[in-house]
């Protein structure tokens, strides 16, 4: 491996980390099925056109997608296609080793975010340390659930939310000092 290859792969990993799950789906669909109109791209990723307009604009800003305008289209006049950088990203999003590195980077990021969770706001009564720990656990579980949901892992998100609910029930059933 050359140093340049490692640097490029690292830059691509950083770029991939900045992509939402919808943006990753868009890139892969444009690679697999070719260029498409806004409506076609939306259908490919099972979203409404207004839900992919923002992600497509962001992909264009990141130079992963290009837009070609034409006239006479009944379903829009912009054709979305991948740039050479977008083609590279699509290939990497199909590479299992790269996806594993991406998952590890995201898990590390989630762990850092979880560690940086601030304590709950001060209350009129000083909470017990057990009560405070439960509140932090609830906040953390909710944030982990939100992150899992954003990544598209609804099963994992539901499990985190259920754990948060159970902790909230435990907190509400504990006697107040």
C-alpha atoms as a PDB file:
ATOM      1  CA  UNK A   1       0.000   0.000   0.000  1.00  0.00           C
ATOM      2  CA  UNK A   2       1.259   3.420  -0.846  1.00  0.00           C
ATOM      3  CA  UNK A   3       1.023   6.419   1.432  1.00  0.00           C
ATOM      4  CA  UNK A   4      -1.157   8.202  -1.109  1.00  0.00           C
ATOM      5  CA  UNK A   5      -3.605   5.272  -1.191  1.00  0.00           C
ATOM      6  CA  UNK A   6      -3.850   5.297   2.623  1.00  0.00           C
ATOM      7  CA  UNK A   7      -4.433   9.068   2.671  1.00  0.00           C
ATOM      8  CA  UNK A   8      -7.073   8.845  -0.052  1.00  0.00           C
ATOM      9  CA  UNK A   9      -8.835   5.989   1.726  1.00  0.00           C
ATOM     10  CA  UNK A  10      -8.745   7.970   4.978  1.00  0.00           C
ATOM     11  CA  UNK A  11     -10.235  11.002   3.238  1.00  0.00           C
ATOM     12  CA  UNK A  12     -12.919   8.821   1.678  1.00  0.00           C
ATOM     13  CA  UNK A  13     -13.674   7.323   5.105  1.00  0.00           C
ATOM     14  CA  UNK A  14     -14.128  10.827   6.535  1.00  0.00           C
ATOM     15  CA  UNK A  15     -16.354  11.733   3.602  1.00  0.00           C
ATOM     16  CA  UNK A  16     -18.398   8.538   4.012  1.00  0.00           C
ATOM     17  CA  UNK A  17     -18.852   9.283   7.724  1.00  0.00           C
ATOM     18  CA  UNK A  18     -20.414  12.618   6.764  1.00  0.00           C
ATOM     19  CA  UNK A  19     -23.030  10.910   4.572  1.00  0.00           C
ATOM     20  CA  UNK A  20     -26.483  10.051   5.845  1.00  0.00           C
ATOM     21  CA  UNK A  21     -27.932   6.579   5.216  1.00  0.00           C
ATOM     22  CA  UNK A  22     -30.196   8.089   2.522  1.00  0.00           C
ATOM     23  CA  UNK A  23     -27.211   9.676   0.794  1.00  0.00           C
ATOM     24  CA  UNK A  24     -25.387   6.331   0.795  1.00  0.00           C
ATOM     25  CA  UNK A  25     -28.462   4.678  -0.736  1.00  0.00           C
ATOM     26  CA  UNK A  26     -28.624   7.387  -3.405  1.00  0.00           C
ATOM     27  CA  UNK A  27     -24.958   6.906  -4.332  1.00  0.00           C
ATOM     28  CA  UNK A  28     -25.303   3.132  -4.590  1.00  0.00           C
ATOM     29  CA  UNK A  29     -28.528   3.413  -6.616  1.00  0.00           C
ATOM     30  CA  UNK A  30     -26.941   5.845  -9.067  1.00  0.00           C
ATOM     31  CA  UNK A  31     -24.042   3.412  -9.467  1.00  0.00           C
ATOM     32  CA  UNK A  32     -26.224   0.337  -9.873  1.00  0.00           C
ATOM     33  CA  UNK A  33     -29.037   1.791 -11.964  1.00  0.00           C
ATOM     34  CA  UNK A  34     -27.385   4.741 -13.663  1.00  0.00           C
ATOM     35  CA  UNK A  35     -28.340   8.417 -13.806  1.00  0.00           C
ATOM     36  CA  UNK A  36     -31.874   9.404 -12.930  1.00  0.00           C
ATOM     37  CA  UNK A  37     -34.344  12.215 -12.537  1.00  0.00           C
ATOM     38  CA  UNK A  38     -35.321  13.432  -9.070  1.00  0.00           C
ATOM     39  CA  UNK A  39     -38.473  11.315  -9.077  1.00  0.00           C
ATOM     40  CA  UNK A  40     -36.557   8.208 -10.189  1.00  0.00           C
ATOM     41  CA  UNK A  41     -33.890   8.678  -7.522  1.00  0.00           C
ATOM     42  CA  UNK A  42     -36.581   9.132  -4.860  1.00  0.00           C
ATOM     43  CA  UNK A  43     -38.368   5.956  -5.940  1.00  0.00           C
ATOM     44  CA  UNK A  44     -35.100   3.989  -5.932  1.00  0.00           C
ATOM     45  CA  UNK A  45     -34.499   4.832  -2.265  1.00  0.00           C
ATOM     46  CA  UNK A  46     -38.188   4.592  -1.322  1.00  0.00           C
ATOM     47  CA  UNK A  47     -38.568   8.258  -0.381  1.00  0.00           C
ATOM     48  CA  UNK A  48     -40.657  11.180  -1.561  1.00  0.00           C
ATOM     49  CA  UNK A  49     -38.936  13.628  -3.926  1.00  0.00           C
ATOM     50  CA  UNK A  50     -38.894  16.372  -1.287  1.00  0.00           C
ATOM     51  CA  UNK A  51     -37.060  13.989   1.065  1.00  0.00           C
ATOM     52  CA  UNK A  52     -34.167  13.500  -1.374  1.00  0.00           C
ATOM     53  CA  UNK A  53     -33.840  17.085  -2.637  1.00  0.00           C
ATOM     54  CA  UNK A  54     -31.716  18.157   0.350  1.00  0.00           C
ATOM     55  CA  UNK A  55     -29.502  15.045   0.399  1.00  0.00           C
ATOM     56  CA  UNK A  56     -28.923  15.371  -3.369  1.00  0.00           C
ATOM     57  CA  UNK A  57     -27.968  19.042  -3.003  1.00  0.00           C
ATOM     58  CA  UNK A  58     -25.516  18.091  -0.245  1.00  0.00           C
ATOM     59  CA  UNK A  59     -24.068  15.317  -2.424  1.00  0.00           C
ATOM     60  CA  UNK A  60     -23.614  17.870  -5.186  1.00  0.00           C
ATOM     61  CA  UNK A  61     -21.841  20.235  -2.775  1.00  0.00           C
ATOM     62  CA  UNK A  62     -19.546  17.364  -1.771  1.00  0.00           C
ATOM     63  CA  UNK A  63     -18.799  16.770  -5.478  1.00  0.00           C
ATOM     64  CA  UNK A  64     -20.195  13.231  -5.439  1.00  0.00           C
ATOM     65  CA  UNK A  65     -23.146  13.934  -7.726  1.00  0.00           C
ATOM     66  CA  UNK A  66     -23.487  16.143 -10.769  1.00  0.00           C
ATOM     67  CA  UNK A  67     -26.614  17.570 -12.349  1.00  0.00           C
ATOM     68  CA  UNK A  68     -27.209  17.839 -16.093  1.00  0.00           C
ATOM     69  CA  UNK A  69     -30.099  19.986 -17.175  1.00  0.00           C
ATOM     70  CA  UNK A  70     -32.156  19.282 -20.268  1.00  0.00           C
ATOM     71  CA  UNK A  71     -35.447  20.486 -21.684  1.00  0.00           C
ATOM     72  CA  UNK A  72     -38.688  18.707 -22.427  1.00  0.00           C
ATOM     73  CA  UNK A  73     -38.816  16.364 -19.438  1.00  0.00           C
ATOM     74  CA  UNK A  74     -42.257  15.679 -18.015  1.00  0.00           C
ATOM     75  CA  UNK A  75     -40.915  14.550 -14.612  1.00  0.00           C
ATOM     76  CA  UNK A  76     -38.256  17.214 -14.190  1.00  0.00           C
ATOM     77  CA  UNK A  77     -35.429  18.672 -16.167  1.00  0.00           C
ATOM     78  CA  UNK A  78     -32.415  17.652 -14.080  1.00  0.00           C
ATOM     79  CA  UNK A  79     -30.571  14.382 -14.503  1.00  0.00           C
ATOM     80  CA  UNK A  80     -28.512  13.278 -11.494  1.00  0.00           C
ATOM     81  CA  UNK A  81     -25.398  11.182 -12.024  1.00  0.00           C
ATOM     82  CA  UNK A  82     -22.231  10.288 -10.146  1.00  0.00           C
ATOM     83  CA  UNK A  83     -18.986  12.180 -10.544  1.00  0.00           C
ATOM     84  CA  UNK A  84     -15.715  10.209 -10.673  1.00  0.00           C
ATOM     85  CA  UNK A  85     -15.395  10.821  -6.908  1.00  0.00           C
ATOM     86  CA  UNK A  86     -18.957   9.558  -6.493  1.00  0.00           C
ATOM     87  CA  UNK A  87     -18.056   6.422  -8.467  1.00  0.00           C
ATOM     88  CA  UNK A  88     -15.132   5.830  -6.097  1.00  0.00           C
ATOM     89  CA  UNK A  89     -17.415   6.280  -3.090  1.00  0.00           C
ATOM     90  CA  UNK A  90     -19.978   3.877  -4.552  1.00  0.00           C
ATOM     91  CA  UNK A  91     -17.282   1.255  -5.043  1.00  0.00           C
ATOM     92  CA  UNK A  92     -16.086   1.728  -1.466  1.00  0.00           C
ATOM     93  CA  UNK A  93     -19.647   1.457  -0.144  1.00  0.00           C
ATOM     94  CA  UNK A  94     -19.701  -2.025  -1.693  1.00  0.00           C
ATOM     95  CA  UNK A  95     -16.331  -2.977  -0.136  1.00  0.00           C
ATOM     96  CA  UNK A  96     -16.894  -4.977   3.059  1.00  0.00           C
ATOM     97  CA  UNK A  97     -13.527  -3.976   4.556  1.00  0.00           C
ATOM     98  CA  UNK A  98     -14.309  -0.289   4.028  1.00  0.00           C
ATOM     99  CA  UNK A  99     -17.801  -0.708   5.505  1.00  0.00           C
ATOM    100  CA  UNK A 100     -16.283  -2.378   8.575  1.00  0.00           C
ATOM    101  CA  UNK A 101     -13.900   0.579   9.018  1.00  0.00           C
ATOM    102  CA  UNK A 102     -16.853   2.931   8.612  1.00  0.00           C
ATOM    103  CA  UNK A 103     -18.878   1.078  11.272  1.00  0.00           C
ATOM    104  CA  UNK A 104     -15.916   1.137  13.666  1.00  0.00           C
ATOM    105  CA  UNK A 105     -15.445   4.875  13.120  1.00  0.00           C
ATOM    106  CA  UNK A 106     -19.149   5.517  13.743  1.00  0.00           C
ATOM    107  CA  UNK A 107     -19.181   3.369  16.884  1.00  0.00           C
ATOM    108  CA  UNK A 108     -16.142   5.242  18.175  1.00  0.00           C
ATOM    109  CA  UNK A 109     -17.895   8.525  17.422  1.00  0.00           C
ATOM    110  CA  UNK A 110     -21.028   7.328  19.246  1.00  0.00           C
ATOM    111  CA  UNK A 111     -18.971   6.271  22.266  1.00  0.00           C
ATOM    112  CA  UNK A 112     -17.320   9.706  22.396  1.00  0.00           C
ATOM    113  CA  UNK A 113     -20.724  11.384  22.119  1.00  0.00           C
ATOM    114  CA  UNK A 114     -22.115   9.182  24.877  1.00  0.00           C
ATOM    115  CA  UNK A 115     -19.163   9.996  27.136  1.00  0.00           C
ATOM    116  CA  UNK A 116     -19.739  13.707  26.574  1.00  0.00           C
ATOM    117  CA  UNK A 117     -23.372  13.599  27.766  1.00  0.00           C
ATOM    118  CA  UNK A 118     -23.762  16.415  30.289  1.00  0.00           C
ATOM    119  CA  UNK A 119     -25.385  15.672  33.640  1.00  0.00           C
ATOM    120  CA  UNK A 120     -29.077  16.563  33.931  1.00  0.00           C
ATOM    121  CA  UNK A 121     -29.963  20.132  34.899  1.00  0.00           C
ATOM    122  CA  UNK A 122     -29.926  20.963  38.592  1.00  0.00           C
ATOM    123  CA  UNK A 123     -33.220  20.360  40.335  1.00  0.00           C
ATOM    124  CA  UNK A 124     -34.778  22.013  43.368  1.00  0.00           C
ATOM    125  CA  UNK A 125     -34.077  18.925  45.463  1.00  0.00           C
ATOM    126  CA  UNK A 126     -30.678  17.319  45.243  1.00  0.00           C
ATOM    127  CA  UNK A 127     -31.226  13.926  43.561  1.00  0.00           C
ATOM    128  CA  UNK A 128     -29.662  10.820  44.973  1.00  0.00           C
ATOM    129  CA  UNK A 129     -26.701   9.441  43.110  1.00  0.00           C
ATOM    130  CA  UNK A 130     -28.765   6.419  42.060  1.00  0.00           C
ATOM    131  CA  UNK A 131     -31.496   8.683  40.695  1.00  0.00           C
ATOM    132  CA  UNK A 132     -28.918  10.811  38.883  1.00  0.00           C
ATOM    133  CA  UNK A 133     -27.298   7.720  37.392  1.00  0.00           C
ATOM    134  CA  UNK A 134     -30.689   6.504  36.142  1.00  0.00           C
ATOM    135  CA  UNK A 135     -31.391   9.875  34.508  1.00  0.00           C
ATOM    136  CA  UNK A 136     -28.033   9.789  32.732  1.00  0.00           C
ATOM    137  CA  UNK A 137     -28.676   6.209  31.639  1.00  0.00           C
ATOM    138  CA  UNK A 138     -32.064   7.206  30.219  1.00  0.00           C
ATOM    139  CA  UNK A 139     -30.524  10.134  28.297  1.00  0.00           C
ATOM    140  CA  UNK A 140     -27.748   7.941  26.959  1.00  0.00           C
ATOM    141  CA  UNK A 141     -30.125   5.181  25.867  1.00  0.00           C
ATOM    142  CA  UNK A 142     -32.345   7.697  24.090  1.00  0.00           C
ATOM    143  CA  UNK A 143     -29.367   9.193  22.256  1.00  0.00           C
ATOM    144  CA  UNK A 144     -28.123   5.749  21.257  1.00  0.00           C
ATOM    145  CA  UNK A 145     -31.617   4.937  20.020  1.00  0.00           C
ATOM    146  CA  UNK A 146     -31.692   8.150  17.982  1.00  0.00           C
ATOM    147  CA  UNK A 147     -28.294   7.353  16.433  1.00  0.00           C
ATOM    148  CA  UNK A 148     -29.338   3.787  15.582  1.00  0.00           C
ATOM    149  CA  UNK A 149     -32.561   5.104  14.025  1.00  0.00           C
ATOM    150  CA  UNK A 150     -30.602   7.615  11.920  1.00  0.00           C
ATOM    151  CA  UNK A 151     -28.402   4.771  10.677  1.00  0.00           C
ATOM    152  CA  UNK A 152     -31.509   2.836   9.679  1.00  0.00           C
ATOM    153  CA  UNK A 153     -31.175   0.085  12.308  1.00  0.00           C
ATOM    154  CA  UNK A 154     -34.720   0.235  13.641  1.00  0.00           C
ATOM    155  CA  UNK A 155     -34.416  -2.998  15.646  1.00  0.00           C
ATOM    156  CA  UNK A 156     -31.429  -1.680  17.553  1.00  0.00           C
ATOM    157  CA  UNK A 157     -33.154   1.688  18.025  1.00  0.00           C
ATOM    158  CA  UNK A 158     -36.276   0.020  19.415  1.00  0.00           C
ATOM    159  CA  UNK A 159     -34.160  -2.007  21.849  1.00  0.00           C
ATOM    160  CA  UNK A 160     -32.445   1.161  23.130  1.00  0.00           C
ATOM    161  CA  UNK A 161     -35.791   2.968  23.478  1.00  0.00           C
ATOM    162  CA  UNK A 162     -37.277   0.021  25.370  1.00  0.00           C
ATOM    163  CA  UNK A 163     -34.307   0.026  27.757  1.00  0.00           C
ATOM    164  CA  UNK A 164     -34.767   3.781  28.270  1.00  0.00           C
ATOM    165  CA  UNK A 165     -38.469   3.258  28.978  1.00  0.00           C
ATOM    166  CA  UNK A 166     -37.691   0.526  31.492  1.00  0.00           C
ATOM    167  CA  UNK A 167     -35.164   2.777  33.240  1.00  0.00           C
ATOM    168  CA  UNK A 168     -37.712   5.634  33.266  1.00  0.00           C
ATOM    169  CA  UNK A 169     -40.276   3.343  34.864  1.00  0.00           C
ATOM    170  CA  UNK A 170     -37.726   2.296  37.455  1.00  0.00           C
ATOM    171  CA  UNK A 171     -36.933   5.972  38.145  1.00  0.00           C
ATOM    172  CA  UNK A 172     -40.591   6.950  38.525  1.00  0.00           C
ATOM    173  CA  UNK A 173     -41.310   4.030  40.847  1.00  0.00           C
ATOM    174  CA  UNK A 174     -38.399   4.795  43.165  1.00  0.00           C
ATOM    175  CA  UNK A 175     -39.409   6.612  46.395  1.00  0.00           C
ATOM    176  CA  UNK A 176     -38.489  10.294  46.542  1.00  0.00           C
ATOM    177  CA  UNK A 177     -36.364  11.344  49.558  1.00  0.00           C
END
